[in-house]
C-alpha atoms as a PDB file:
ATOM      1  CA  UNK A   1      90.054 105.389 123.728  1.00  0.00           C
ATOM      2  CA  UNK A   2      91.279 105.492 127.336  1.00  0.00           C
ATOM      3  CA  UNK A   3      90.516 102.198 129.049  1.00  0.00           C
ATOM      4  CA  UNK A   4      91.527 103.609 132.448  1.00  0.00           C
ATOM      5  CA  UNK A   5      88.674 106.118 132.333  1.00  0.00           C
ATOM      6  CA  UNK A   6      86.197 103.239 132.038  1.00  0.00           C
ATOM      7  CA  UNK A   7      87.787 101.150 134.799  1.00  0.00           C
ATOM      8  CA  UNK A   8      87.446 102.648 138.264  1.00  0.00           C
ATOM      9  CA  UNK A   9      89.540 100.886 140.932  1.00  0.00           C
ATOM     10  CA  UNK A  10      86.427  99.183 142.369  1.00  0.00           C
ATOM     11  CA  UNK A  11      86.144  97.214 139.109  1.00  0.00           C
ATOM     12  CA  UNK A  12      89.515  95.526 139.651  1.00  0.00           C
ATOM     13  CA  UNK A  13      89.645  92.187 141.460  1.00  0.00           C
ATOM     14  CA  UNK A  14      93.101  90.671 141.912  1.00  0.00           C
ATOM     15  CA  UNK A  15      91.983  87.301 143.302  1.00  0.00           C
ATOM     16  CA  UNK A  16      89.042  85.874 141.394  1.00  0.00           C
ATOM     17  CA  UNK A  17      87.246  83.085 143.241  1.00  0.00           C
ATOM     18  CA  UNK A  18      85.323  81.668 140.274  1.00  0.00           C
ATOM     19  CA  UNK A  19      86.510  78.380 138.785  1.00  0.00           C
ATOM     20  CA  UNK A  20      84.459  78.456 135.561  1.00  0.00           C
ATOM     21  CA  UNK A  21      84.017  81.184 132.996  1.00  0.00           C
ATOM     22  CA  UNK A  22      80.364  81.605 133.999  1.00  0.00           C
ATOM     23  CA  UNK A  23      81.325  82.000 137.687  1.00  0.00           C
ATOM     24  CA  UNK A  24      84.027  84.535 136.791  1.00  0.00           C
ATOM     25  CA  UNK A  25      81.681  86.518 134.545  1.00  0.00           C
ATOM     26  CA  UNK A  26      79.099  86.647 137.330  1.00  0.00           C
ATOM     27  CA  UNK A  27      81.751  87.622 139.885  1.00  0.00           C
ATOM     28  CA  UNK A  28      82.959  90.547 137.764  1.00  0.00           C
ATOM     29  CA  UNK A  29      79.426  91.564 136.731  1.00  0.00           C
ATOM     30  CA  UNK A  30      78.497  91.724 140.435  1.00  0.00           C
ATOM     31  CA  UNK A  31      81.331  94.232 140.963  1.00  0.00           C
ATOM     32  CA  UNK A  32      79.948  96.311 138.113  1.00  0.00           C
ATOM     33  CA  UNK A  33      76.418  96.157 139.520  1.00  0.00           C
ATOM     34  CA  UNK A  34      77.750  97.180 142.942  1.00  0.00           C
ATOM     35  CA  UNK A  35      79.471 100.173 141.340  1.00  0.00           C
ATOM     36  CA  UNK A  36      76.115 101.322 139.927  1.00  0.00           C
ATOM     37  CA  UNK A  37      76.961 100.741 136.259  1.00  0.00           C
ATOM     38  CA  UNK A  38      74.344  98.035 135.602  1.00  0.00           C
ATOM     39  CA  UNK A  39      70.594  98.334 135.999  1.00  0.00           C
ATOM     40  CA  UNK A  40      70.092  94.574 136.023  1.00  0.00           C
ATOM     41  CA  UNK A  41      72.659  91.832 136.591  1.00  0.00           C
ATOM     42  CA  UNK A  42      70.545  89.109 134.952  1.00  0.00           C
ATOM     43  CA  UNK A  43      70.066  90.970 131.679  1.00  0.00           C
ATOM     44  CA  UNK A  44      73.766  91.696 131.361  1.00  0.00           C
ATOM     45  CA  UNK A  45      74.687  88.086 132.181  1.00  0.00           C
ATOM     46  CA  UNK A  46      72.320  86.965 129.430  1.00  0.00           C
ATOM     47  CA  UNK A  47      74.135  89.254 126.952  1.00  0.00           C
ATOM     48  CA  UNK A  48      77.499  87.806 128.050  1.00  0.00           C
ATOM     49  CA  UNK A  49      76.295  84.218 127.706  1.00  0.00           C
ATOM     50  CA  UNK A  50      74.774  84.945 124.292  1.00  0.00           C
ATOM     51  CA  UNK A  51      78.122  86.332 123.126  1.00  0.00           C
ATOM     52  CA  UNK A  52      80.046  83.323 124.503  1.00  0.00           C
ATOM     53  CA  UNK A  53      77.622  81.013 122.662  1.00  0.00           C
ATOM     54  CA  UNK A  54      78.716  82.655 119.382  1.00  0.00           C
ATOM     55  CA  UNK A  55      82.350  81.806 120.104  1.00  0.00           C
ATOM     56  CA  UNK A  56      84.767  81.925 122.992  1.00  0.00           C
ATOM     57  CA  UNK A  57      86.097  85.291 124.092  1.00  0.00           C
ATOM     58  CA  UNK A  58      89.241  83.530 125.292  1.00  0.00           C
ATOM     59  CA  UNK A  59      91.685  85.252 122.936  1.00  0.00           C
ATOM     60  CA  UNK A  60      94.809  83.352 123.966  1.00  0.00           C
ATOM     61  CA  UNK A  61      98.009  84.334 125.790  1.00  0.00           C
ATOM     62  CA  UNK A  62      96.154  83.795 129.081  1.00  0.00           C
ATOM     63  CA  UNK A  63      93.562  86.479 128.296  1.00  0.00           C
ATOM     64  CA  UNK A  64      89.762  86.434 128.078  1.00  0.00           C
ATOM     65  CA  UNK A  65      87.679  89.456 127.095  1.00  0.00           C
ATOM     66  CA  UNK A  66      83.992  88.679 127.684  1.00  0.00           C
ATOM     67  CA  UNK A  67      81.778  91.506 126.497  1.00  0.00           C
ATOM     68  CA  UNK A  68      78.137  92.400 126.287  1.00  0.00           C
ATOM     69  CA  UNK A  69      76.109  95.149 124.692  1.00  0.00           C
ATOM     70  CA  UNK A  70      72.667  95.598 126.256  1.00  0.00           C
ATOM     71  CA  UNK A  71      70.215  98.134 127.612  1.00  0.00           C
ATOM     72  CA  UNK A  72      71.070  97.197 131.228  1.00  0.00           C
ATOM     73  CA  UNK A  73      74.483  98.889 130.916  1.00  0.00           C
ATOM     74  CA  UNK A  74      74.262 102.459 132.228  1.00  0.00           C
ATOM     75  CA  UNK A  75      77.585 103.636 130.775  1.00  0.00           C
ATOM     76  CA  UNK A  76      80.572 101.913 129.140  1.00  0.00           C
ATOM     77  CA  UNK A  77      82.896 100.085 131.516  1.00  0.00           C
ATOM     78  CA  UNK A  78      85.815  97.704 131.685  1.00  0.00           C
ATOM     79  CA  UNK A  79      86.252  95.417 134.700  1.00  0.00           C
ATOM     80  CA  UNK A  80      89.388  93.376 135.353  1.00  0.00           C
ATOM     81  CA  UNK A  81      89.918  90.166 137.261  1.00  0.00           C
ATOM     82  CA  UNK A  82      92.988  88.011 137.742  1.00  0.00           C
ATOM     83  CA  UNK A  83      92.911  84.274 138.304  1.00  0.00           C
ATOM     84  CA  UNK A  84      96.326  82.977 139.415  1.00  0.00           C
ATOM     85  CA  UNK A  85      95.227  79.360 138.852  1.00  0.00           C
ATOM     86  CA  UNK A  86      93.537  80.140 135.556  1.00  0.00           C
ATOM     87  CA  UNK A  87      90.083  79.421 134.182  1.00  0.00           C
ATOM     88  CA  UNK A  88      89.281  77.217 131.198  1.00  0.00           C
ATOM     89  CA  UNK A  89      87.820  79.716 128.732  1.00  0.00           C
ATOM     90  CA  UNK A  90      87.945  77.502 125.640  1.00  0.00           C
ATOM     91  CA  UNK A  91      90.680  79.808 124.354  1.00  0.00           C
ATOM     92  CA  UNK A  92      91.898  79.481 120.800  1.00  0.00           C
ATOM     93  CA  UNK A  93      95.381  78.469 121.978  1.00  0.00           C
ATOM     94  CA  UNK A  94      94.060  76.023 124.605  1.00  0.00           C
ATOM     95  CA  UNK A  95      95.655  77.995 127.460  1.00  0.00           C
ATOM     96  CA  UNK A  96      93.883  78.854 130.697  1.00  0.00           C
ATOM     97  CA  UNK A  97      92.750  82.487 131.100  1.00  0.00           C
ATOM     98  CA  UNK A  98      94.475  84.323 133.944  1.00  0.00           C
ATOM     99  CA  UNK A  99      93.655  87.906 132.942  1.00  0.00           C
ATOM    100  CA  UNK A 100      89.963  88.621 132.369  1.00  0.00           C
ATOM    101  CA  UNK A 101      88.760  91.946 131.029  1.00  0.00           C
ATOM    102  CA  UNK A 102      84.972  92.342 130.987  1.00  0.00           C
ATOM    103  CA  UNK A 103      83.504  95.023 128.741  1.00  0.00           C
ATOM    104  CA  UNK A 104      79.996  96.426 128.848  1.00  0.00           C
ATOM    105  CA  UNK A 105      78.430  99.080 126.633  1.00  0.00           C
ATOM    106  CA  UNK A 106      74.859 100.383 126.399  1.00  0.00           C
ATOM    107  CA  UNK A 107      72.889  98.967 123.490  1.00  0.00           C
ATOM    108  CA  UNK A 108      71.790 102.354 122.167  1.00  0.00           C
ATOM    109  CA  UNK A 109      74.318 104.764 120.752  1.00  0.00           C
ATOM    110  CA  UNK A 110      77.210 102.333 121.097  1.00  0.00           C
ATOM    111  CA  UNK A 111      77.379 100.887 117.615  1.00  0.00           C
ATOM    112  CA  UNK A 112      81.158 100.408 117.545  1.00  0.00           C
ATOM    113  CA  UNK A 113      82.151 101.443 121.060  1.00  0.00           C
ATOM    114  CA  UNK A 114      82.894  97.909 122.261  1.00  0.00           C
ATOM    115  CA  UNK A 115      85.092  97.362 119.193  1.00  0.00           C
ATOM    116  CA  UNK A 116      87.115 100.483 120.018  1.00  0.00           C
ATOM    117  CA  UNK A 117      87.561  99.268 123.605  1.00  0.00           C
ATOM    118  CA  UNK A 118      88.588  95.806 122.376  1.00  0.00           C
ATOM    119  CA  UNK A 119      91.109  97.369 120.020  1.00  0.00           C
ATOM    120  CA  UNK A 120      92.628  99.574 122.739  1.00  0.00           C
ATOM    121  CA  UNK A 121      92.896  96.650 125.158  1.00  0.00           C
ATOM    122  CA  UNK A 122      94.308  94.290 122.561  1.00  0.00           C
ATOM    123  CA  UNK A 123      96.993  96.769 121.567  1.00  0.00           C
ATOM    124  CA  UNK A 124      98.197  97.001 125.183  1.00  0.00           C
ATOM    125  CA  UNK A 125      97.902  93.279 125.919  1.00  0.00           C
ATOM    126  CA  UNK A 126     100.052  92.218 122.964  1.00  0.00           C
ATOM    127  CA  UNK A 127     103.035  93.353 125.057  1.00  0.00           C
ATOM    128  CA  UNK A 128     104.550  90.432 127.020  1.00  0.00           C
ATOM    129  CA  UNK A 129     105.847  92.823 129.677  1.00  0.00           C
ATOM    130  CA  UNK A 130     102.405  94.347 130.217  1.00  0.00           C
ATOM    131  CA  UNK A 131     100.833  90.908 130.698  1.00  0.00           C
ATOM    132  CA  UNK A 132     103.609  89.936 133.117  1.00  0.00           C
ATOM    133  CA  UNK A 133     103.186  93.165 135.047  1.00  0.00           C
ATOM    134  CA  UNK A 134      99.422  92.571 135.319  1.00  0.00           C
ATOM    135  CA  UNK A 135     100.075  89.089 136.720  1.00  0.00           C
ATOM    136  CA  UNK A 136     102.364  90.598 139.367  1.00  0.00           C
ATOM    137  CA  UNK A 137     100.349  93.721 140.211  1.00  0.00           C
ATOM    138  CA  UNK A 138      99.642  94.092 143.916  1.00  0.00           C
ATOM    139  CA  UNK A 139      96.878  96.722 143.837  1.00  0.00           C
ATOM    140  CA  UNK A 140      94.078  98.040 141.613  1.00  0.00           C
ATOM    141  CA  UNK A 141      95.997 101.312 141.200  1.00  0.00           C
ATOM    142  CA  UNK A 142      98.997  99.373 139.913  1.00  0.00           C
ATOM    143  CA  UNK A 143      96.767  97.595 137.375  1.00  0.00           C
ATOM    144  CA  UNK A 144      95.416 100.949 136.192  1.00  0.00           C
ATOM    145  CA  UNK A 145      98.956 102.306 135.908  1.00  0.00           C
ATOM    146  CA  UNK A 146     100.031  99.367 133.754  1.00  0.00           C
ATOM    147  CA  UNK A 147      97.051  99.777 131.456  1.00  0.00           C
ATOM    148  CA  UNK A 148      97.677 103.517 131.178  1.00  0.00           C
ATOM    149  CA  UNK A 149     101.283 103.207 130.031  1.00  0.00           C
END
């Protein structure tokens, strides 16, 4: 599973403006909609909120991975946003989320696709150096390079 193939540079935002997890999710989902990968922003946001209601996607170590599976997703994607100040994501470790990876997969034919993406991302993000490099990245291309290592 190559995360870079699902994350075009236009889905990378190095300075998130949102202050809450809902604002950040909408900010990243708007990037995805603008890139033509969502049919409907509202339907996807509903899927994200439904998933967050089941339990926080704040996984700890400064990382949140909101994800949604719905018919509004045209093809699988990963979007990335960085919040230098952090966002309260109700993370398991109580830390603010600084690195937000948003995953979207179509409802049909994607039974385990989001799990494969989560696994690939998690494997890379367990590395302290990778997380540090993402915090210091100065361009979308640099982010993609870090994730591709």
